[in-house]
Amino acid sequence: MTSHYDFEKRERKKQDAKSKVDQRIDDLRHILESEHGRRYLKGVLTFLNINVPISGTNNVEIYKAIGRNQAGHRIKDEILQANQEQAIKMFLNI
């Protein structure tokens, strides 16, 4: 009995996903080079409330806040991966 699982297709999908991440990181490097780009990214992270405790009066509000917070932390991690020195400048307003 042969498997219908296509290992080559799986590897192609992995490579495609990796190249998309690499492209995103490269794009962030370019954005972080400018003061305007750093200011914009900091505004995005502020909007996503990465430094604010999660609160809410009902489950829907809490789940939305958790989602925004997790998205913000993912973006922050990619920013740090792209260029740690420029990210620190952004976070410290240097």
Protein backbone atom coordinates (compact mmCIF):
# COMPACT_ATOMS: atom_id res chain seq x y z
CA MET A 1 0.00 0.00 0.00
CA THR A 2 1.49 3.34 -1.01
CA SER A 3 0.99 6.60 0.77
CA HIS A 4 -0.72 9.43 -1.02
CA TYR A 5 1.34 11.86 1.01
CA ASP A 6 3.55 13.98 -1.25
CA PHE A 7 6.80 14.79 0.55
CA GLU A 8 8.03 17.01 -2.29
CA LYS A 9 4.89 19.11 -2.13
CA ARG A 10 5.33 19.46 1.63
CA GLU A 11 8.94 20.58 1.19
CA ARG A 12 7.90 23.13 -1.45
CA LYS A 13 5.31 24.55 0.93
CA LYS A 14 7.94 24.79 3.68
CA GLN A 15 10.33 26.62 1.33
CA ASP A 16 7.58 28.99 0.17
CA ALA A 17 6.65 29.82 3.76
CA LYS A 18 10.32 30.34 4.68
CA SER A 19 10.88 32.64 1.70
CA LYS A 20 7.81 34.70 2.68
CA VAL A 21 9.18 35.12 6.21
CA ASP A 22 12.60 36.05 4.83
CA GLN A 23 10.98 38.61 2.54
CA ARG A 24 9.00 40.11 5.44
CA ILE A 25 12.16 40.36 7.56
CA ASP A 26 14.01 42.01 4.66
CA ASP A 27 11.15 44.48 4.18
CA LEU A 28 11.28 45.33 7.89
CA ARG A 29 15.03 46.01 7.62
CA HIS A 30 14.33 48.64 4.98
CA ILE A 31 11.47 50.17 6.95
CA LEU A 32 13.56 50.37 10.12
CA GLU A 33 16.29 52.35 8.33
CA SER A 34 14.16 55.50 8.27
CA GLU A 35 12.90 57.51 11.19
CA HIS A 36 9.46 57.63 9.56
CA GLY A 37 9.37 53.85 9.27
CA ARG A 38 10.37 53.35 12.91
CA ARG A 39 7.73 55.88 14.02
CA TYR A 40 5.05 54.11 11.96
CA LEU A 41 5.93 50.66 13.32
CA LYS A 42 5.95 51.99 16.88
CA GLY A 43 2.46 53.41 16.23
CA VAL A 44 1.28 50.02 14.98
CA LEU A 45 2.65 48.31 18.09
CA THR A 46 1.04 50.94 20.31
CA PHE A 47 -2.30 50.38 18.55
CA LEU A 48 -1.93 46.64 19.20
CA ASN A 49 -1.47 47.34 22.93
CA ILE A 50 1.64 45.23 23.44
CA ASN A 51 2.50 47.07 26.66
CA VAL A 52 -0.99 47.24 28.13
CA PRO A 53 -2.50 44.59 30.41
CA ILE A 54 -5.38 42.70 28.82
CA SER A 55 -8.73 43.68 30.27
CA GLY A 56 -12.36 43.75 29.28
CA THR A 57 -15.87 43.45 30.58
CA ASN A 58 -16.88 40.46 28.47
CA ASN A 59 -15.30 37.54 26.67
CA VAL A 60 -15.51 39.12 23.22
CA GLU A 61 -13.54 42.19 24.34
CA ILE A 62 -11.00 40.02 26.13
CA TYR A 63 -10.49 37.71 23.12
CA LYS A 64 -10.08 40.70 20.79
CA ALA A 65 -7.51 42.20 23.15
CA ILE A 66 -5.65 38.89 23.34
CA GLY A 67 -5.60 38.64 19.53
CA ARG A 68 -4.28 42.21 19.12
CA ASN A 69 -1.68 41.60 21.80
CA GLN A 70 -0.45 38.37 20.21
CA ALA A 71 -0.27 39.97 16.76
CA GLY A 72 1.70 42.86 18.23
CA HIS A 73 4.18 40.54 19.91
CA ARG A 74 4.67 38.59 16.69
CA ILE A 75 5.38 41.82 14.80
CA LYS A 76 7.72 42.97 17.58
CA ASP A 77 9.64 39.69 17.39
CA GLU A 78 10.05 40.04 13.63
CA ILE A 79 11.21 43.65 14.04
CA LEU A 80 13.84 42.52 16.53
CA GLN A 81 14.89 39.73 14.20
CA ALA A 82 15.19 42.14 11.27
CA ASN A 83 17.46 44.69 12.94
CA GLN A 84 17.92 44.67 16.67
CA GLU A 85 19.89 47.93 16.79
CA GLN A 86 17.25 49.90 14.88
CA ALA A 87 14.47 48.24 16.89
CA ILE A 88 16.07 49.41 20.13
CA LYS A 89 16.31 52.93 18.68
CA MET A 90 12.62 52.73 17.87
CA PHE A 91 11.58 51.48 21.29
CA LEU A 92 13.75 54.02 23.13
CA ASN A 93 12.92 56.95 20.78
CA ILE A 94 16.60 57.63 20.03
